[in-house]
Amino acid sequence: MQLESIVWDGTSLSTIVTIDDRHVTCVIPRETIHALSIYDDAVGWEIDRHKLDIFERVKVVLESKLQSTPGLQSSRLELAPNDLLA
């Protein structure tokens, strides 16, 4: 899984993920970021500063979700807070 540049727009982190020759826009909304215990009260500049670490922490969940939807082609995948509980 390869990530292109990660963007923080003030409400969510997003990047384009390349996995198995597929390109999928992955989005992590602020409420999902706050579901990570280390970032439960993070403000915008902290999320922007630690955006790579945040994606690394949810990498396994992202990979699992991407692999469970093999027909997903050039689409969008958004992680919800309850995705982190699975």
PDB file of N, CA and C in Angstrom:
ATOM      1  N   MET A   1       0.849  -1.177   0.000  1.00  0.00           N
ATOM      2  CA  MET A   1       0.000   0.000   0.000  1.00  0.00           C
ATOM      3  C   MET A   1       0.889   1.233   0.000  1.00  0.00           C
ATOM      4  N   GLN A   2       0.673   2.105  -0.975  1.00  0.00           N
ATOM      5  CA  GLN A   2       1.435   3.340  -1.072  1.00  0.00           C
ATOM      6  C   GLN A   2       0.500   4.529  -0.919  1.00  0.00           C
ATOM      7  N   LEU A   3       0.961   5.537  -0.184  1.00  0.00           N
ATOM      8  CA  LEU A   3       0.189   6.756   0.027  1.00  0.00           C
ATOM      9  C   LEU A   3       0.776   7.881  -0.804  1.00  0.00           C
ATOM     10  N   GLU A   4      -0.101   8.652  -1.437  1.00  0.00           N
ATOM     11  CA  GLU A   4       0.347   9.894  -2.040  1.00  0.00           C
ATOM     12  C   GLU A   4       0.319  10.950  -0.946  1.00  0.00           C
ATOM     13  N   SER A   5       0.526  12.185  -1.273  1.00  0.00           N
ATOM     14  CA  SER A   5       0.579  13.221  -0.248  1.00  0.00           C
ATOM     15  C   SER A   5      -0.708  13.243   0.566  1.00  0.00           C
ATOM     16  N   ILE A   6      -0.552  13.462   1.864  1.00  0.00           N
ATOM     17  CA  ILE A   6      -1.678  13.493   2.797  1.00  0.00           C
ATOM     18  C   ILE A   6      -2.087  14.950   2.999  1.00  0.00           C
ATOM     19  N   VAL A   7      -3.378  15.213   2.895  1.00  0.00           N
ATOM     20  CA  VAL A   7      -3.892  16.575   2.998  1.00  0.00           C
ATOM     21  C   VAL A   7      -4.839  16.682   4.194  1.00  0.00           C
ATOM     22  N   TRP A   8      -4.639  17.715   4.990  1.00  0.00           N
ATOM     23  CA  TRP A   8      -5.557  18.049   6.090  1.00  0.00           C
ATOM     24  C   TRP A   8      -6.321  19.289   5.655  1.00  0.00           C
ATOM     25  N   ASP A   9      -7.647  19.200   5.533  1.00  0.00           N
ATOM     26  CA  ASP A   9      -8.442  20.337   5.076  1.00  0.00           C
ATOM     27  C   ASP A   9      -9.201  21.020   6.210  1.00  0.00           C
ATOM     28  N   GLY A  10      -8.889  20.656   7.442  1.00  0.00           N
ATOM     29  CA  GLY A  10      -9.563  21.239   8.596  1.00  0.00           C
ATOM     30  C   GLY A  10     -10.696  20.389   9.129  1.00  0.00           C
ATOM     31  N   THR A  11     -11.186  19.458   8.316  1.00  0.00           N
ATOM     32  CA  THR A  11     -12.250  18.564   8.774  1.00  0.00           C
ATOM     33  C   THR A  11     -11.879  17.097   8.629  1.00  0.00           C
ATOM     34  N   SER A  12     -10.932  16.790   7.728  1.00  0.00           N
ATOM     35  CA  SER A  12     -10.538  15.393   7.530  1.00  0.00           C
ATOM     36  C   SER A  12      -9.163  15.319   6.880  1.00  0.00           C
ATOM     37  N   LEU A  13      -8.531  14.171   7.064  1.00  0.00           N
ATOM     38  CA  LEU A  13      -7.294  13.845   6.362  1.00  0.00           C
ATOM     39  C   LEU A  13      -7.671  13.023   5.145  1.00  0.00           C
ATOM     40  N   SER A  14      -7.003  13.258   4.035  1.00  0.00           N
ATOM     41  CA  SER A  14      -7.267  12.448   2.856  1.00  0.00           C
ATOM     42  C   SER A  14      -5.971  12.196   2.093  1.00  0.00           C
ATOM     43  N   THR A  15      -5.947  11.072   1.404  1.00  0.00           N
ATOM     44  CA  THR A  15      -4.823  10.709   0.554  1.00  0.00           C
ATOM     45  C   THR A  15      -5.328   9.742  -0.501  1.00  0.00           C
ATOM     46  N   ILE A  16      -4.557   9.604  -1.545  1.00  0.00           N
ATOM     47  CA  ILE A  16      -4.853   8.584  -2.540  1.00  0.00           C
ATOM     48  C   ILE A  16      -3.951   7.400  -2.246  1.00  0.00           C
ATOM     49  N   VAL A  17      -4.565   6.247  -2.068  1.00  0.00           N
ATOM     50  CA  VAL A  17      -3.851   5.016  -1.746  1.00  0.00           C
ATOM     51  C   VAL A  17      -3.780   4.166  -3.009  1.00  0.00           C
ATOM     52  N   THR A  18      -2.595   3.636  -3.278  1.00  0.00           N
ATOM     53  CA  THR A  18      -2.429   2.695  -4.379  1.00  0.00           C
ATOM     54  C   THR A  18      -2.196   1.326  -3.775  1.00  0.00           C
ATOM     55  N   ILE A  19      -3.066   0.393  -4.124  1.00  0.00           N
ATOM     56  CA  ILE A  19      -2.950  -0.975  -3.636  1.00  0.00           C
ATOM     57  C   ILE A  19      -3.429  -1.900  -4.744  1.00  0.00           C
ATOM     58  N   ASP A  20      -2.615  -2.852  -5.113  1.00  0.00           N
ATOM     59  CA  ASP A  20      -2.949  -3.805  -6.174  1.00  0.00           C
ATOM     60  C   ASP A  20      -3.421  -3.105  -7.446  1.00  0.00           C
ATOM     61  N   ASP A  21      -2.677  -2.095  -7.891  1.00  0.00           N
ATOM     62  CA  ASP A  21      -2.987  -1.335  -9.114  1.00  0.00           C
ATOM     63  C   ASP A  21      -4.316  -0.605  -9.067  1.00  0.00           C
ATOM     64  N   ARG A  22      -4.852  -0.386  -7.879  1.00  0.00           N
ATOM     65  CA  ARG A  22      -6.073   0.407  -7.707  1.00  0.00           C
ATOM     66  C   ARG A  22      -5.707   1.704  -7.023  1.00  0.00           C
ATOM     67  N   HIS A  23      -6.416   2.771  -7.356  1.00  0.00           N
ATOM     68  CA  HIS A  23      -6.234   4.073  -6.723  1.00  0.00           C
ATOM     69  C   HIS A  23      -7.535   4.441  -6.028  1.00  0.00           C
ATOM     70  N   VAL A  24      -7.440   4.587  -4.721  1.00  0.00           N
ATOM     71  CA  VAL A  24      -8.632   4.863  -3.916  1.00  0.00           C
ATOM     72  C   VAL A  24      -8.338   6.069  -3.028  1.00  0.00           C
ATOM     73  N   THR A  25      -9.250   7.024  -3.014  1.00  0.00           N
ATOM     74  CA  THR A  25      -9.128   8.162  -2.104  1.00  0.00           C
ATOM     75  C   THR A  25      -9.607   7.710  -0.733  1.00  0.00           C
ATOM     76  N   CYS A  26      -8.727   7.789   0.242  1.00  0.00           N
ATOM     77  CA  CYS A  26      -9.066   7.394   1.611  1.00  0.00           C
ATOM     78  C   CYS A  26      -9.193   8.653   2.465  1.00  0.00           C
ATOM     79  N   VAL A  27     -10.277   8.708   3.224  1.00  0.00           N
ATOM     80  CA  VAL A  27     -10.593   9.877   4.036  1.00  0.00           C
ATOM     81  C   VAL A  27     -10.755   9.451   5.491  1.00  0.00           C
ATOM     82  N   ILE A  28     -10.129  10.216   6.375  1.00  0.00           N
ATOM     83  CA  ILE A  28     -10.292   9.996   7.819  1.00  0.00           C
ATOM     84  C   ILE A  28     -10.840  11.289   8.411  1.00  0.00           C
ATOM     85  N   PRO A  29     -12.134  11.325   8.735  1.00  0.00           N
ATOM     86  CA  PRO A  29     -12.731  12.529   9.326  1.00  0.00           C
ATOM     87  C   PRO A  29     -12.188  12.800  10.739  1.00  0.00           C
ATOM     88  N   ARG A  30     -12.342  14.020  11.167  1.00  0.00           N
ATOM     89  CA  ARG A  30     -11.853  14.432  12.489  1.00  0.00           C
ATOM     90  C   ARG A  30     -12.399  13.533  13.596  1.00  0.00           C
ATOM     91  N   GLU A  31     -13.688  13.156  13.527  1.00  0.00           N
ATOM     92  CA  GLU A  31     -14.262  12.323  14.597  1.00  0.00           C
ATOM     93  C   GLU A  31     -13.609  10.945  14.644  1.00  0.00           C
ATOM     94  N   THR A  32     -13.144  10.449  13.511  1.00  0.00           N
ATOM     95  CA  THR A  32     -12.430   9.168  13.496  1.00  0.00           C
ATOM     96  C   THR A  32     -11.030   9.340  14.079  1.00  0.00           C
ATOM     97  N   ILE A  33     -10.382  10.442  13.751  1.00  0.00           N
ATOM     98  CA  ILE A  33      -9.065  10.741  14.325  1.00  0.00           C
ATOM     99  C   ILE A  33      -9.182  10.822  15.845  1.00  0.00           C
ATOM    100  N   HIS A  34     -10.236  11.460  16.326  1.00  0.00           N
ATOM    101  CA  HIS A  34     -10.438  11.590  17.777  1.00  0.00           C
ATOM    102  C   HIS A  34     -10.753  10.253  18.439  1.00  0.00           C
ATOM    103  N   ALA A  35     -11.112   9.241  17.657  1.00  0.00           N
ATOM    104  CA  ALA A  35     -11.349   7.905  18.214  1.00  0.00           C
ATOM    105  C   ALA A  35     -10.030   7.197  18.539  1.00  0.00           C
ATOM    106  N   LEU A  36      -8.918   7.707  18.021  1.00  0.00           N
ATOM    107  CA  LEU A  36      -7.593   7.179  18.383  1.00  0.00           C
ATOM    108  C   LEU A  36      -7.213   7.802  19.718  1.00  0.00           C
ATOM    109  N   SER A  37      -6.942   6.982  20.721  1.00  0.00           N
ATOM    110  CA  SER A  37      -6.740   7.506  22.078  1.00  0.00           C
ATOM    111  C   SER A  37      -5.664   8.579  22.168  1.00  0.00           C
ATOM    112  N   ILE A  38      -4.594   8.441  21.419  1.00  0.00           N
ATOM    113  CA  ILE A  38      -3.518   9.431  21.492  1.00  0.00           C
ATOM    114  C   ILE A  38      -3.925  10.771  20.870  1.00  0.00           C
ATOM    115  N   TYR A  39      -4.919  10.754  19.994  1.00  0.00           N
ATOM    116  CA  TYR A  39      -5.368  11.970  19.318  1.00  0.00           C
ATOM    117  C   TYR A  39      -6.792  12.359  19.706  1.00  0.00           C
ATOM    118  N   ASP A  40      -7.277  11.894  20.853  1.00  0.00           N
ATOM    119  CA  ASP A  40      -8.674  12.119  21.216  1.00  0.00           C
ATOM    120  C   ASP A  40      -9.040  13.581  21.444  1.00  0.00           C
ATOM    121  N   ASP A  41      -8.055  14.431  21.691  1.00  0.00           N
ATOM    122  CA  ASP A  41      -8.345  15.855  21.870  1.00  0.00           C
ATOM    123  C   ASP A  41      -7.464  16.730  20.979  1.00  0.00           C
ATOM    124  N   ALA A  42      -6.965  16.153  19.888  1.00  0.00           N
ATOM    125  CA  ALA A  42      -6.054  16.873  18.998  1.00  0.00           C
ATOM    126  C   ALA A  42      -6.762  18.025  18.298  1.00  0.00           C
ATOM    127  N   VAL A  43      -6.057  19.141  18.221  1.00  0.00           N
ATOM    128  CA  VAL A  43      -6.567  20.296  17.476  1.00  0.00           C
ATOM    129  C   VAL A  43      -5.992  20.246  16.062  1.00  0.00           C
ATOM    130  N   GLY A  44      -6.481  21.114  15.207  1.00  0.00           N
ATOM    131  CA  GLY A  44      -6.126  21.084  13.792  1.00  0.00           C
ATOM    132  C   GLY A  44      -4.642  21.046  13.476  1.00  0.00           C
ATOM    133  N   TRP A  45      -3.847  21.921  14.111  1.00  0.00           N
ATOM    134  CA  TRP A  45      -2.419  21.952  13.795  1.00  0.00           C
ATOM    135  C   TRP A  45      -1.726  20.658  14.218  1.00  0.00           C
ATOM    136  N   GLU A  46      -2.203  20.027  15.293  1.00  0.00           N
ATOM    137  CA  GLU A  46      -1.612  18.758  15.728  1.00  0.00           C
ATOM    138  C   GLU A  46      -1.932  17.650  14.732  1.00  0.00           C
ATOM    139  N   ILE A  47      -3.150  17.628  14.241  1.00  0.00           N
ATOM    140  CA  ILE A  47      -3.530  16.627  13.243  1.00  0.00           C
ATOM    141  C   ILE A  47      -2.701  16.818  11.982  1.00  0.00           C
ATOM    142  N   ASP A  48      -2.549  18.063  11.546  1.00  0.00           N
ATOM    143  CA  ASP A  48      -1.744  18.345  10.356  1.00  0.00           C
ATOM    144  C   ASP A  48      -0.290  17.923  10.567  1.00  0.00           C
ATOM    145  N   ARG A  49       0.246  18.207  11.716  1.00  0.00           N
ATOM    146  CA  ARG A  49       1.644  17.876  12.009  1.00  0.00           C
ATOM    147  C   ARG A  49       1.879  16.365  12.081  1.00  0.00           C
ATOM    148  N   HIS A  50       0.886  15.606  12.584  1.00  0.00           N
ATOM    149  CA  HIS A  50       1.055  14.167  12.802  1.00  0.00           C
ATOM    150  C   HIS A  50       0.265  13.320  11.804  1.00  0.00           C
ATOM    151  N   LYS A  51      -0.052  13.882  10.653  1.00  0.00           N
ATOM    152  CA  LYS A  51      -0.913  13.186   9.691  1.00  0.00           C
ATOM    153  C   LYS A  51      -0.336  11.859   9.213  1.00  0.00           C
ATOM    154  N   LEU A  52       0.970  11.766   9.030  1.00  0.00           N
ATOM    155  CA  LEU A  52       1.558  10.489   8.611  1.00  0.00           C
ATOM    156  C   LEU A  52       1.418   9.450   9.720  1.00  0.00           C
ATOM    157  N   ASP A  53       1.658   9.840  10.953  1.00  0.00           N
ATOM    158  CA  ASP A  53       1.502   8.920  12.087  1.00  0.00           C
ATOM    159  C   ASP A  53       0.055   8.439  12.203  1.00  0.00           C
ATOM    160  N   ILE A  54      -0.891   9.330  11.973  1.00  0.00           N
ATOM    161  CA  ILE A  54      -2.309   8.951  12.048  1.00  0.00           C
ATOM    162  C   ILE A  54      -2.611   7.892  11.001  1.00  0.00           C
ATOM    163  N   PHE A  55      -2.135   8.087   9.763  1.00  0.00           N
ATOM    164  CA  PHE A  55      -2.371   7.079   8.725  1.00  0.00           C
ATOM    165  C   PHE A  55      -1.658   5.774   9.060  1.00  0.00           C
ATOM    166  N   GLU A  56      -0.485   5.843   9.646  1.00  0.00           N
ATOM    167  CA  GLU A  56       0.223   4.618  10.042  1.00  0.00           C
ATOM    168  C   GLU A  56      -0.575   3.851  11.099  1.00  0.00           C
ATOM    169  N   ARG A  57      -1.210   4.555  12.011  1.00  0.00           N
ATOM    170  CA  ARG A  57      -1.990   3.906  13.075  1.00  0.00           C
ATOM    171  C   ARG A  57      -3.251   3.219  12.552  1.00  0.00           C
ATOM    172  N   VAL A  58      -3.789   3.697  11.434  1.00  0.00           N
ATOM    173  CA  VAL A  58      -5.003   3.086  10.885  1.00  0.00           C
ATOM    174  C   VAL A  58      -4.710   2.250   9.640  1.00  0.00           C
ATOM    175  N   LYS A  59      -3.443   2.071   9.342  1.00  0.00           N
ATOM    176  CA  LYS A  59      -3.042   1.354   8.124  1.00  0.00           C
ATOM    177  C   LYS A  59      -3.647  -0.046   8.029  1.00  0.00           C
ATOM    178  N   VAL A  60      -3.623  -0.796   9.101  1.00  0.00           N
ATOM    179  CA  VAL A  60      -4.158  -2.165   9.098  1.00  0.00           C
ATOM    180  C   VAL A  60      -5.662  -2.139   8.809  1.00  0.00           C
ATOM    181  N   VAL A  61      -6.372  -1.195   9.403  1.00  0.00           N
ATOM    182  CA  VAL A  61      -7.815  -1.080   9.178  1.00  0.00           C
ATOM    183  C   VAL A  61      -8.082  -0.696   7.723  1.00  0.00           C
ATOM    184  N   LEU A  62      -7.302   0.245   7.202  1.00  0.00           N
ATOM    185  CA  LEU A  62      -7.457   0.643   5.803  1.00  0.00           C
ATOM    186  C   LEU A  62      -7.221  -0.527   4.858  1.00  0.00           C
ATOM    187  N   GLU A  63      -6.122  -1.235   5.077  1.00  0.00           N
ATOM    188  CA  GLU A  63      -5.808  -2.381   4.216  1.00  0.00           C
ATOM    189  C   GLU A  63      -6.919  -3.424   4.274  1.00  0.00           C
ATOM    190  N   SER A  64      -7.417  -3.698   5.454  1.00  0.00           N
ATOM    191  CA  SER A  64      -8.486  -4.674   5.622  1.00  0.00           C
ATOM    192  C   SER A  64      -9.747  -4.241   4.876  1.00  0.00           C
ATOM    193  N   LYS A  65     -10.106  -2.974   5.016  1.00  0.00           N
ATOM    194  CA  LYS A  65     -11.298  -2.460   4.340  1.00  0.00           C
ATOM    195  C   LYS A  65     -11.120  -2.474   2.821  1.00  0.00           C
ATOM    196  N   LEU A  66      -9.940  -2.133   2.359  1.00  0.00           N
ATOM    197  CA  LEU A  66      -9.673  -2.136   0.919  1.00  0.00           C
ATOM    198  C   LEU A  66      -9.716  -3.551   0.352  1.00  0.00           C
ATOM    199  N   GLN A  67      -9.179  -4.508   1.087  1.00  0.00           N
ATOM    200  CA  GLN A  67      -9.173  -5.890   0.613  1.00  0.00           C
ATOM    201  C   GLN A  67     -10.554  -6.523   0.684  1.00  0.00           C
ATOM    202  N   SER A  68     -11.394  -6.050   1.581  1.00  0.00           N
ATOM    203  CA  SER A  68     -12.737  -6.618   1.696  1.00  0.00           C
ATOM    204  C   SER A  68     -13.695  -6.052   0.652  1.00  0.00           C
ATOM    205  N   THR A  69     -13.254  -5.049  -0.089  1.00  0.00           N
ATOM    206  CA  THR A  69     -14.060  -4.473  -1.173  1.00  0.00           C
ATOM    207  C   THR A  69     -13.259  -4.496  -2.464  1.00  0.00           C
ATOM    208  N   PRO A  70     -13.012  -5.696  -3.027  1.00  0.00           N
ATOM    209  CA  PRO A  70     -12.138  -5.822  -4.193  1.00  0.00           C
ATOM    210  C   PRO A  70     -12.655  -5.112  -5.443  1.00  0.00           C
ATOM    211  N   GLY A  71     -13.941  -4.876  -5.549  1.00  0.00           N
ATOM    212  CA  GLY A  71     -14.488  -4.211  -6.724  1.00  0.00           C
ATOM    213  C   GLY A  71     -14.345  -2.699  -6.684  1.00  0.00           C
ATOM    214  N   LEU A  72     -13.808  -2.186  -5.598  1.00  0.00           N
ATOM    215  CA  LEU A  72     -13.651  -0.750  -5.428  1.00  0.00           C
ATOM    216  C   LEU A  72     -12.577  -0.248  -6.386  1.00  0.00           C
ATOM    217  N   GLN A  73     -12.962   0.466  -7.403  1.00  0.00           N
ATOM    218  CA  GLN A  73     -12.033   0.993  -8.406  1.00  0.00           C
ATOM    219  C   GLN A  73     -12.149   2.518  -8.442  1.00  0.00           C
ATOM    220  N   SER A  74     -11.018   3.192  -8.333  1.00  0.00           N
ATOM    221  CA  SER A  74     -10.976   4.658  -8.419  1.00  0.00           C
ATOM    222  C   SER A  74     -12.132   5.297  -7.671  1.00  0.00           C
ATOM    223  N   SER A  75     -12.240   4.983  -6.412  1.00  0.00           N
ATOM    224  CA  SER A  75     -13.383   5.430  -5.626  1.00  0.00           C
ATOM    225  C   SER A  75     -12.915   6.080  -4.337  1.00  0.00           C
ATOM    226  N   ARG A  76     -13.839   6.196  -3.400  1.00  0.00           N
ATOM    227  CA  ARG A  76     -13.565   6.851  -2.118  1.00  0.00           C
ATOM    228  C   ARG A  76     -13.908   5.898  -0.979  1.00  0.00           C
ATOM    229  N   LEU A  77     -13.041   5.870   0.012  1.00  0.00           N
ATOM    230  CA  LEU A  77     -13.242   5.050   1.195  1.00  0.00           C
ATOM    231  C   LEU A  77     -13.085   5.946   2.411  1.00  0.00           C
ATOM    232  N   GLU A  78     -14.100   5.982   3.263  1.00  0.00           N
ATOM    233  CA  GLU A  78     -14.044   6.812   4.460  1.00  0.00           C
ATOM    234  C   GLU A  78     -14.070   5.923   5.695  1.00  0.00           C
ATOM    235  N   LEU A  79     -13.148   6.199   6.609  1.00  0.00           N
ATOM    236  CA  LEU A  79     -13.102   5.446   7.855  1.00  0.00           C
ATOM    237  C   LEU A  79     -13.996   6.132   8.888  1.00  0.00           C
ATOM    238  N   ALA A  80     -14.860   5.362   9.489  1.00  0.00           N
ATOM    239  CA  ALA A  80     -15.725   5.858  10.562  1.00  0.00           C
ATOM    240  C   ALA A  80     -15.106   5.455  11.907  1.00  0.00           C
ATOM    241  N   PRO A  81     -15.470   6.133  12.979  1.00  0.00           N
ATOM    242  CA  PRO A  81     -14.928   5.766  14.291  1.00  0.00           C
ATOM    243  C   PRO A  81     -15.137   4.296  14.641  1.00  0.00           C
ATOM    244  N   ASN A  82     -16.289   3.725  14.277  1.00  0.00           N
ATOM    245  CA  ASN A  82     -16.544   2.319  14.628  1.00  0.00           C
ATOM    246  C   ASN A  82     -15.687   1.356  13.797  1.00  0.00           C
ATOM    247  N   ASP A  83     -15.105   1.797  12.699  1.00  0.00           N
ATOM    248  CA  ASP A  83     -14.174   0.948  11.939  1.00  0.00           C
ATOM    249  C   ASP A  83     -12.924   0.640  12.767  1.00  0.00           C
ATOM    250  N   LEU A  84     -12.577   1.534  13.668  1.00  0.00           N
ATOM    251  CA  LEU A  84     -11.379   1.336  14.485  1.00  0.00           C
ATOM    252  C   LEU A  84     -11.607   0.358  15.629  1.00  0.00           C
ATOM    253  N   LEU A  85     -12.859   0.058  15.925  1.00  0.00           N
ATOM    254  CA  LEU A  85     -13.188  -0.837  17.018  1.00  0.00           C
ATOM    255  C   LEU A  85     -13.160  -2.299  16.602  1.00  0.00           C
ATOM    256  N   ALA A  86     -13.236  -2.554  15.306  1.00  0.00           N
ATOM    257  CA  ALA A  86     -13.302  -3.935  14.814  1.00  0.00           C
ATOM    258  C   ALA A  86     -12.016  -4.676  15.014  1.00  0.00           C
TER     259      ALA A  86
END
